Protein backbone atom coordinates (compact mmCIF):
# COMPACT_ATOMS: atom_id res chain seq x y z
CA MET A 1 12.22 16.48 -13.38
CA THR A 2 14.43 14.66 -11.44
CA LYS A 3 15.97 15.29 -7.98
CA ASP A 4 19.47 14.36 -6.96
CA MET A 5 19.48 13.69 -3.17
CA THR A 6 22.94 13.30 -2.16
CA THR A 7 22.73 17.12 -1.06
CA GLY A 8 21.11 19.84 0.17
CA ALA A 9 19.45 20.06 4.00
CA ILE A 10 18.36 16.67 5.19
CA THR A 11 15.05 17.57 6.94
CA PRO A 12 13.48 19.69 4.12
CA LEU A 13 14.55 17.88 1.40
CA LEU A 14 12.64 14.82 2.93
CA VAL A 15 9.34 17.05 4.11
CA LYS A 16 9.48 18.28 0.56
CA PHE A 17 9.95 14.51 -0.85
CA THR A 18 7.23 12.86 1.69
CA ILE A 19 4.51 15.07 1.19
CA PRO A 20 3.51 14.36 -2.31
CA LEU A 21 3.89 11.34 -1.08
CA VAL A 22 1.60 11.57 1.53
CA LEU A 23 -0.73 13.07 -0.03
CA GLY A 24 -1.03 10.73 -3.32
CA ASN A 25 -1.90 7.79 -0.80
CA LEU A 26 -4.60 9.96 0.43
CA PHE A 27 -6.37 10.91 -2.71
CA GLN A 28 -6.27 6.92 -3.10
CA LEU A 29 -7.61 6.38 0.04
CA THR A 30 -10.21 9.37 -0.44
CA TYR A 31 -11.59 7.52 -3.77
CA ASN A 32 -11.31 4.13 -1.80
CA ALA A 33 -13.79 5.11 0.72
CA ALA A 34 -15.48 6.35 -1.66
CA ASP A 35 -15.69 3.53 -3.05
CA SER A 36 -17.46 2.08 -0.45
CA ILE A 37 -19.50 5.55 0.27
CA ILE A 38 -21.04 5.36 -2.54
CA VAL A 39 -22.25 1.28 -2.55
CA GLY A 40 -23.24 1.53 1.30
CA LYS A 41 -25.34 4.15 0.36
CA PHE A 42 -26.72 3.64 -2.70
CA VAL A 43 -26.38 0.33 -2.89
CA GLY A 44 -26.83 -1.89 0.42
CA GLU A 45 -25.20 -3.12 2.49
CA ASP A 46 -24.25 -6.78 1.15
CA ALA A 47 -22.78 -4.97 -1.58
CA LEU A 48 -20.62 -2.91 1.28
CA ALA A 49 -20.02 -6.20 2.50
CA ALA A 50 -19.03 -8.17 -0.19
CA VAL A 51 -17.29 -4.69 -1.47
CA GLY A 52 -15.73 -5.02 1.89
CA THR A 53 -14.48 -8.93 1.69
CA SER A 54 -13.06 -8.85 -1.59
CA ASN A 55 -10.81 -5.82 -0.63
CA PRO A 56 -7.77 -7.55 0.98
CA LEU A 57 -7.45 -9.89 -2.37
CA MET A 58 -7.42 -7.29 -3.94
CA THR A 59 -4.79 -5.03 -1.90
CA LEU A 60 -2.92 -8.34 -2.10
CA ALA A 61 -2.90 -8.63 -5.56
CA ILE A 62 -1.73 -4.70 -5.94
CA LEU A 63 0.80 -4.85 -3.24
CA PHE A 64 2.70 -7.51 -4.43
CA ILE A 65 2.67 -5.82 -7.27
CA ASN A 66 3.70 -2.49 -5.82
CA GLY A 67 6.40 -4.15 -4.14
CA LEU A 68 7.97 -5.40 -6.97
CA CYS A 69 7.79 -2.36 -8.08
CA LEU A 70 9.27 -1.34 -4.84
CA GLY A 71 12.00 -3.08 -5.35
CA ALA A 72 13.33 -2.45 -8.29
CA GLY A 73 12.94 1.52 -7.45
CA ILE A 74 16.07 1.06 -4.86
CA LEU A 75 18.10 -0.72 -6.89
CA VAL A 76 16.94 2.74 -9.57
CA SER A 77 17.62 5.01 -6.74
CA THR A 78 21.58 3.15 -5.87
CA ALA A 79 22.34 3.17 -9.79
CA TYR A 80 21.12 6.73 -9.75
CA GLY A 81 22.95 7.93 -6.74
CA ALA A 82 25.88 6.79 -8.23
CA GLY A 83 25.56 8.40 -11.62
CA ASP A 84 25.41 5.38 -13.33
CA THR A 85 22.97 6.58 -16.15
CA GLN A 86 23.48 3.89 -18.30
CA ARG A 87 22.42 1.09 -15.49
CA VAL A 88 20.03 3.38 -14.97
CA GLU A 89 18.61 3.03 -18.23
CA ARG A 90 18.76 -0.54 -18.97
CA GLN A 91 17.37 -1.21 -15.04
CA VAL A 92 13.96 0.18 -16.04
CA SER A 93 14.19 -1.13 -19.64
CA THR A 94 14.37 -4.96 -18.29
CA THR A 95 12.10 -4.05 -15.01
CA ALA A 96 9.24 -2.60 -17.66
CA ILE A 97 9.97 -6.02 -19.56
CA ALA A 98 9.77 -8.58 -16.73
CA GLY A 99 6.48 -7.03 -15.27
CA THR A 100 4.76 -6.75 -17.51
CA VAL A 101 4.74 -10.27 -18.12
CA PHE A 102 4.70 -11.03 -14.59
CA SER A 103 1.74 -9.08 -14.51
CA LEU A 104 -0.91 -10.67 -17.27
CA VAL A 105 0.10 -14.05 -16.16
CA PHE A 106 -0.88 -12.51 -12.86
CA SER A 107 -4.09 -11.23 -14.13
CA ALA A 108 -5.26 -14.27 -15.24
CA LEU A 109 -4.97 -16.46 -12.39
CA CYS A 110 -6.96 -14.50 -10.35
CA VAL A 111 -9.54 -13.99 -12.38
CA LEU A 112 -9.75 -16.94 -13.08
CA LEU A 113 -9.55 -18.67 -9.02
CA ALA A 114 -11.77 -14.84 -8.03
CA THR A 115 -14.17 -17.60 -6.43
CA PRO A 116 -12.51 -20.27 -4.73
CA LEU A 117 -10.42 -17.42 -2.98
CA LEU A 118 -13.94 -16.00 -1.62
CA ARG A 119 -14.79 -19.45 -0.68
CA LEU A 120 -12.03 -20.12 1.37
CA MET A 121 -12.19 -16.67 3.12
CA GLN A 122 -15.49 -17.89 4.60
CA VAL A 123 -17.78 -15.22 2.22
CA PRO A 124 -21.30 -15.88 3.21
CA GLU A 125 -23.43 -17.33 0.35
CA GLU A 126 -26.22 -14.61 -0.35
CA ILE A 127 -22.99 -11.94 -1.26
CA LEU A 128 -20.85 -14.12 -2.48
CA PRO A 129 -22.04 -13.17 -6.54
CA ILE A 130 -21.01 -9.72 -5.49
CA ALA A 131 -18.33 -10.07 -4.38
CA VAL A 132 -16.94 -12.21 -7.45
CA GLN A 133 -18.19 -10.18 -9.71
CA TYR A 134 -16.66 -7.08 -7.96
CA LEU A 135 -13.51 -9.00 -7.76
CA ARG A 136 -12.94 -10.39 -11.29
CA ILE A 137 -13.24 -6.46 -13.24
CA VAL A 138 -10.59 -5.32 -10.85
CA PHE A 139 -8.30 -8.09 -11.86
CA ALA A 140 -8.75 -7.56 -14.84
CA GLY A 141 -7.39 -4.14 -15.06
CA LEU A 142 -3.72 -5.50 -13.00
CA ILE A 143 -2.08 -4.51 -15.75
CA PHE A 144 -2.76 -0.72 -15.89
CA THR A 145 -2.13 -1.27 -11.83
CA PHE A 146 1.42 -2.47 -12.70
CA PHE A 147 2.36 0.22 -15.18
CA TYR A 148 1.35 3.12 -13.06
CA ASN A 149 3.19 1.67 -9.54
CA PHE A 150 5.82 1.61 -12.22
CA LEU A 151 6.07 4.74 -13.58
CA ALA A 152 5.60 5.98 -10.35
CA ALA A 153 7.87 3.91 -7.97
CA THR A 154 10.62 4.59 -10.81
CA MET A 155 10.35 8.38 -10.68
CA ARG A 156 10.38 8.85 -6.60
CA ALA A 157 13.07 6.49 -7.58
CA LEU A 158 14.91 9.39 -9.37
CA GLY A 159 13.73 11.92 -6.70
CA ASP A 160 10.32 12.95 -8.12
CA SER A 161 7.36 12.64 -5.82
CA LYS A 162 5.33 14.89 -7.25
CA SER A 163 4.12 13.78 -10.34
CA ALA A 164 2.80 10.95 -9.73
CA LEU A 165 0.83 12.45 -6.93
CA TYR A 166 -0.59 15.08 -9.42
CA PHE A 167 -1.88 11.68 -12.01
CA LEU A 168 -2.91 10.73 -8.67
CA MET A 169 -5.18 13.68 -7.97
CA ILE A 170 -7.00 13.82 -11.67
CA SER A 171 -7.67 9.93 -11.42
CA SER A 172 -9.09 9.60 -7.88
CA VAL A 173 -11.43 13.01 -9.11
CA LEU A 174 -12.56 11.09 -12.15
CA ASN A 175 -12.72 8.06 -10.45
CA ILE A 176 -15.20 9.38 -7.40
CA VAL A 177 -17.36 10.84 -10.89
CA GLY A 178 -17.27 7.06 -12.04
CA ASP A 179 -18.73 5.73 -9.10
CA LEU A 180 -21.52 8.38 -8.68
CA PHE A 181 -22.88 7.74 -12.56
CA PHE A 182 -22.24 4.04 -12.93
CA VAL A 183 -23.76 3.58 -10.01
CA GLU A 184 -26.37 5.83 -9.69
CA VAL A 185 -27.01 7.13 -12.70
CA LEU A 186 -26.62 3.29 -15.08
CA GLY A 187 -27.79 1.38 -10.91
CA TRP A 188 -24.44 -0.78 -12.30
CA GLY A 189 -23.93 -1.35 -8.62
CA SER A 190 -20.82 -2.96 -6.92
CA GLU A 191 -19.94 -3.60 -10.58
CA GLY A 192 -19.63 -0.56 -11.88
CA CYS A 193 -17.74 0.86 -9.36
CA ALA A 194 -15.37 -2.06 -9.56
CA LEU A 195 -15.36 -0.51 -13.53
CA SER A 196 -14.53 3.02 -12.19
CA THR A 197 -11.42 2.09 -10.32
CA VAL A 198 -10.48 0.38 -13.24
CA LEU A 199 -10.75 3.31 -16.00
CA SER A 200 -9.07 5.39 -13.30
CA GLU A 201 -6.09 3.56 -13.32
CA ALA A 202 -5.74 3.28 -17.53
CA LEU A 203 -6.18 6.96 -17.43
CA CYS A 204 -3.24 7.16 -14.31
CA CYS A 205 -1.25 5.24 -16.75
CA VAL A 206 -1.89 7.45 -19.70
CA LEU A 207 -0.76 10.42 -17.92
CA CYS A 208 2.15 9.03 -16.61
CA VAL A 209 3.45 7.72 -20.63
CA VAL A 210 2.52 11.29 -21.76
CA TYR A 211 4.74 13.82 -19.11
CA ILE A 212 7.94 10.65 -19.27
CA GLN A 213 7.82 11.86 -23.24
CA PHE A 214 7.93 15.45 -22.85
CA LYS A 215 9.76 16.10 -19.08
CA VAL A 216 11.72 13.24 -17.96
CA PRO A 217 15.02 12.53 -19.94
CA VAL A 218 16.69 9.99 -17.72
CA LEU A 219 12.79 7.70 -18.71
CA GLN A 220 13.03 9.05 -23.31
CA LEU A 221 14.49 5.47 -24.12
CA GLY A 222 12.87 5.06 -27.31
CA ARG A 223 13.59 1.74 -28.36
CA ARG A 224 15.57 1.36 -25.27
CA TRP A 225 12.58 0.37 -23.57
CA PHE A 226 12.99 -2.78 -25.10
CA VAL A 227 16.14 -3.79 -23.68
CA PHE A 228 15.73 -6.85 -21.66
CA ASP A 229 19.70 -7.33 -19.42
CA GLY A 230 19.52 -10.60 -18.05
CA SER A 231 22.17 -9.82 -15.70
CA LEU A 232 19.79 -7.15 -13.84
CA LEU A 233 17.51 -9.84 -14.03
CA ARG A 234 18.50 -11.83 -10.78
CA SER A 235 19.36 -8.57 -8.41
CA THR A 236 16.19 -7.49 -9.91
CA VAL A 237 13.53 -10.38 -8.86
CA GLN A 238 15.56 -10.86 -5.62
CA TYR A 239 15.00 -7.06 -3.95
CA GLY A 240 11.80 -7.00 -6.53
CA TRP A 241 10.67 -10.32 -4.69
CA THR A 242 12.04 -9.82 -0.92
CA SER A 243 10.27 -6.52 -1.13
CA ALA A 244 6.75 -8.29 -2.81
CA MET A 245 6.70 -10.94 -0.57
CA GLN A 246 6.83 -8.15 2.16
CA GLN A 247 4.03 -6.22 0.95
CA ALA A 248 2.17 -10.03 0.29
CA THR A 249 2.67 -11.09 3.98
CA VAL A 250 1.09 -7.94 5.14
CA GLN A 251 -2.01 -8.47 3.39
CA LEU A 252 -2.09 -12.30 3.56
CA GLY A 253 -2.57 -11.72 7.59
CA LYS A 254 -4.82 -9.11 6.78
CA ILE A 255 -6.51 -11.52 4.63
CA ALA A 256 -6.85 -14.18 7.55
CA VAL A 257 -7.98 -11.11 9.83
CA GLN A 258 -10.75 -10.57 7.66
CA ALA A 259 -11.36 -14.72 7.42
CA ILE A 260 -12.15 -13.86 11.34
CA VAL A 261 -14.28 -11.31 10.75
CA ASN A 262 -16.72 -13.30 8.73
CA THR A 263 -17.77 -15.17 11.15
CA LEU A 264 -19.00 -12.67 13.65
CA GLY A 265 -21.77 -12.41 10.25
CA ILE A 266 -22.55 -9.04 7.80
CA ASN A 267 -23.02 -7.07 10.66
CA ALA A 268 -19.54 -6.88 11.87
CA MET A 269 -17.98 -7.54 8.20
CA ALA A 270 -19.58 -4.12 7.24
CA ALA A 271 -18.11 -2.81 10.55
CA PHE A 272 -14.73 -3.58 10.03
CA THR A 273 -14.99 -2.19 6.92
CA ALA A 274 -15.67 1.20 7.18
CA ALA A 275 -13.27 0.98 10.12
CA SER A 276 -10.57 -0.04 8.08
CA ARG A 277 -10.66 1.96 5.21
CA VAL A 278 -10.42 4.82 8.22
CA ASP A 279 -7.05 2.52 9.49
CA ASP A 280 -5.74 3.21 6.11
CA PHE A 281 -5.42 6.10 6.24
CA THR A 282 -2.83 5.57 8.52
CA TYR A 283 -0.96 2.71 7.62
CA MET A 284 -0.28 3.67 4.04
CA PRO A 285 0.90 7.45 4.53
CA GLN A 286 3.28 5.37 6.91
CA GLN A 287 4.67 3.38 4.77
CA ASN A 288 5.11 6.08 2.33
CA ILE A 289 6.60 8.40 4.62
CA ALA A 290 9.48 4.93 5.36
CA HIS A 291 9.21 4.37 0.90
CA ALA A 292 10.50 7.76 1.34
CA MET A 293 13.51 7.13 3.75
CA THR A 294 13.88 4.44 1.53
CA THR A 295 15.03 6.49 -1.66
CA LEU A 296 16.83 9.42 -0.21
CA MET A 297 19.07 7.00 1.58
CA ALA A 298 19.70 4.68 -0.93
CA GLN A 299 21.00 7.58 -3.21
CA ASN A 300 23.21 8.32 -0.41
CA HIS A 301 24.17 4.39 0.04
CA GLY A 302 24.65 4.78 -3.86
CA ALA A 303 27.00 7.65 -2.84
CA ASP A 304 28.30 6.74 -0.28
CA LYS A 305 27.38 9.21 2.42
CA LYS A 306 26.84 7.54 5.74
CA GLU A 307 25.95 10.42 7.80
CA ARG A 308 23.40 11.43 5.59
CA VAL A 309 22.20 8.11 5.12
CA ARG A 310 21.78 8.00 8.82
CA GLN A 311 20.61 12.09 9.19
CA GLY A 312 17.84 10.44 6.45
CA PHE A 313 16.75 7.55 8.52
CA PHE A 314 15.97 9.63 12.16
CA CYS A 315 14.37 11.94 10.14
CA GLY A 316 11.87 10.02 9.02
CA LEU A 317 11.91 8.21 11.78
CA ARG A 318 10.29 11.73 13.73
CA ILE A 319 7.70 12.39 11.02
CA GLU A 320 6.24 8.99 11.18
CA LEU A 321 5.59 9.88 14.76
CA ILE A 322 4.92 13.38 13.92
CA TYR A 323 1.99 11.42 11.83
CA GLY A 324 0.84 8.76 13.75
CA PHE A 325 0.33 10.79 16.91
CA CYS A 326 -2.01 13.29 14.93
CA LEU A 327 -4.10 10.55 13.06
CA MET A 328 -4.46 9.23 16.86
CA ALA A 329 -6.29 12.21 17.97
CA VAL A 330 -8.37 12.75 15.03
CA CYS A 331 -9.40 9.10 15.26
CA LEU A 332 -10.37 8.52 19.19
CA LEU A 333 -12.20 12.64 18.83
CA PHE A 334 -14.21 11.93 15.86
CA ALA A 335 -14.63 8.18 15.26
CA ARG A 336 -18.20 8.40 15.31
CA PRO A 337 -19.35 10.93 12.70
CA ILE A 338 -16.03 9.38 10.22
CA ILE A 339 -18.42 5.65 10.48
CA SER A 340 -21.15 7.63 10.01
CA LEU A 341 -20.42 8.65 6.76
CA PHE A 342 -20.35 4.89 5.20
CA VAL A 343 -23.31 3.03 6.62
CA ASP A 344 -26.81 4.39 8.27
CA ASP A 345 -27.81 0.89 10.94
CA PRO A 346 -27.19 2.35 14.00
CA ALA A 347 -25.70 -0.90 15.13
CA VAL A 348 -22.87 -0.67 12.20
CA ILE A 349 -21.77 3.00 13.28
CA ASP A 350 -21.74 1.45 17.14
CA LEU A 351 -19.50 -1.96 16.15
CA GLY A 352 -17.52 0.53 13.92
CA VAL A 353 -17.00 2.69 16.50
CA LYS A 354 -15.68 1.35 19.03
CA PHE A 355 -13.33 -0.69 16.63
CA LEU A 356 -11.66 2.11 15.29
CA ARG A 357 -11.00 3.82 18.83
CA CYS A 358 -9.33 1.12 19.61
CA ALA A 359 -7.03 0.55 17.06
CA SER A 360 -6.01 4.40 17.29
CA LEU A 361 -4.84 3.85 20.58
CA PHE A 362 -1.94 2.02 18.80
CA TYR A 363 -1.25 4.37 15.94
CA LEU A 364 2.26 4.68 16.52
CA MET A 365 3.50 1.72 16.94
CA PRO A 366 2.90 1.14 12.68
CA GLY A 367 4.67 4.76 12.60
CA VAL A 368 7.92 3.59 14.47
CA THR A 369 7.49 -0.15 12.09
CA ASN A 370 7.64 0.94 8.88
CA GLY A 371 10.26 4.01 9.73
CA ILE A 372 12.58 0.98 10.85
CA GLN A 373 11.99 -1.24 7.73
CA GLY A 374 12.41 2.16 5.92
CA GLY A 375 15.81 2.62 6.83
CA PHE A 376 16.40 -1.42 6.13
CA ARG A 377 15.44 -0.97 2.60
CA GLY A 378 17.50 2.29 2.06
CA LEU A 379 20.69 0.28 3.68
CA GLY A 380 19.63 -2.65 0.37
CA ASP A 381 18.95 -5.23 3.12
CA LEU A 382 15.02 -6.43 2.80
CA LYS A 383 15.47 -10.00 4.35
CA ILE A 384 15.19 -8.04 7.83
CA THR A 385 10.98 -6.71 6.39
CA LEU A 386 11.00 -9.77 5.32
CA ASN A 387 10.91 -11.78 8.50
CA SER A 388 9.73 -8.58 10.45
CA SER A 389 6.85 -8.48 8.46
CA MET A 390 6.07 -12.25 8.58
CA LEU A 391 6.36 -11.79 11.99
CA ASN A 392 3.57 -8.69 12.94
CA MET A 393 1.16 -10.71 10.67
CA GLY A 394 1.72 -14.57 12.14
CA PHE A 395 1.38 -12.66 15.83
CA ARG A 396 -1.56 -10.80 14.74
CA VAL A 397 -3.59 -13.93 12.88
CA ALA A 398 -2.72 -16.19 16.10
CA ALA A 399 -3.62 -13.20 18.03
CA ALA A 400 -6.83 -12.87 17.00
CA ALA A 401 -7.51 -16.13 15.93
CA VAL A 402 -7.24 -16.82 19.57
CA LEU A 403 -9.69 -13.76 20.87
CA VAL A 404 -12.10 -14.13 18.61
CA LEU A 405 -12.07 -18.31 17.95
CA VAL A 406 -11.40 -19.21 21.40
CA LEU A 407 -12.23 -16.05 23.40
CA LYS A 408 -15.45 -15.24 21.89
CA VAL A 409 -14.61 -11.73 22.01
CA ASP A 410 -16.57 -8.78 20.29
CA LEU A 411 -14.89 -7.12 16.96
CA GLN A 412 -14.29 -3.95 19.03
CA ILE A 413 -11.43 -6.01 21.51
CA MET A 414 -9.60 -7.34 17.81
CA PRO A 415 -7.07 -3.93 17.33
CA VAL A 416 -5.27 -5.47 20.44
CA SER A 417 -4.41 -8.39 18.08
CA TYR A 418 -2.62 -5.38 15.70
CA GLY A 419 -1.19 -4.45 18.80
CA ILE A 420 0.95 -7.27 19.71
CA GLY A 421 1.83 -7.52 16.35
CA TRP A 422 3.93 -4.83 15.55
CA LEU A 423 4.94 -5.81 19.29
CA SER A 424 7.05 -8.55 17.83
CA MET A 425 7.92 -6.80 15.38
CA LEU A 426 10.24 -4.20 17.34
CA VAL A 427 11.28 -7.18 19.79
CA TYR A 428 12.96 -8.21 16.01
CA GLU A 429 13.88 -5.32 14.69
CA LEU A 430 15.05 -3.24 17.52
CA PRO A 431 18.13 -5.44 18.28
CA LEU A 432 19.06 -5.83 14.80
CA LEU A 433 18.89 -2.17 14.56
CA ILE A 434 21.47 -1.31 17.51
CA ARG A 435 23.35 -3.89 16.13
CA TYR A 436 23.64 -1.52 12.52
CA MET A 437 24.30 1.83 14.26
CA LYS A 438 27.41 -0.14 16.56
CA GLU A 439 29.02 -1.25 13.10
CA ASP A 440 28.82 1.78 12.09
CA LYS A 441 26.15 0.91 9.21
CA LEU A 442 23.75 3.04 10.04
């Protein structure tokens, strides 16, 4: 059930690999949006604001873990493309052991620090208890988040992007059903929503493990799952840490923006939460298109097939731009009915619609920047992706602070700060990309 991506026509290969990744993210984002819709409709605006203001911290933890898995996956892809099966096995087992220890420690720290972290984000006192309880439940289940992301990233690195999609589809449906049961039937509020998310992720892990035992021979390691290769740990930590920091930097910027939005009041927070859920339908699939590029390019980089590396890069960029344009058109045309799915308050809906329409004007820019980052990751240069992400978030937060705290603009102008961040990213990345091409590295 693995796929050698060093042979065959590039475009259909990349498209077939990308589609399950995008669909997987759309399902994941759908059940994230369902959380917000169910909480907003059945619990109230205070609960929606609490879930929304907790989401950046929750996503930070998830993206940090996902970054570790992504970095290790690049090493797996390179070894698999080179035909080194033993190295693939040692890489997988080493990552599993190190990642388990890290995720357990990280989970405990996050549970303990939930309250001070939310206070740091300027969360209003009236919704703080709701946000703390929601966050602690989600943080307690981070071990399941690690194992799913680790197993899914490993299967993707081996060229299998479909299997994780199927498990995620099942998990998404069960999560929505669980939300309705815990929130509407049992009346557990946002805590029930968090519990449903944890249980669905746990089920996803179980399905992945069972599938691997029957269908993925290269990962049927038996006792070799407990092999810890210290010589591989350094490169694993280097790749994983750099990738994790890149993911974390992006989310830290979002947390800073959320803190700035929190100064505008609960209506603005609720509108920002609803619009941000829709934003995710653009950004997350664009990141996964880039991840598909990374896998294809890393396998061919390991096999020393430079022309296929170059073709994969430009094919991925085209896919990014097509997807970004389609989402921009949808959000411009249907912003009001989309935001109305989340809330009923006309004032909140108006704020959300204006924010979303402004944000959609910039959707092509993250398509380009994500594509370029996917290319650099595929070549093994993660420092460039980290530096560019830090620039992006630094300029975004600074621009948001000036717009809201100094110029006192309304929420709907906030997406301008996003555009400023992506522009700084492009200014940094494009000269490096041109240099890589001139030096025949790409």
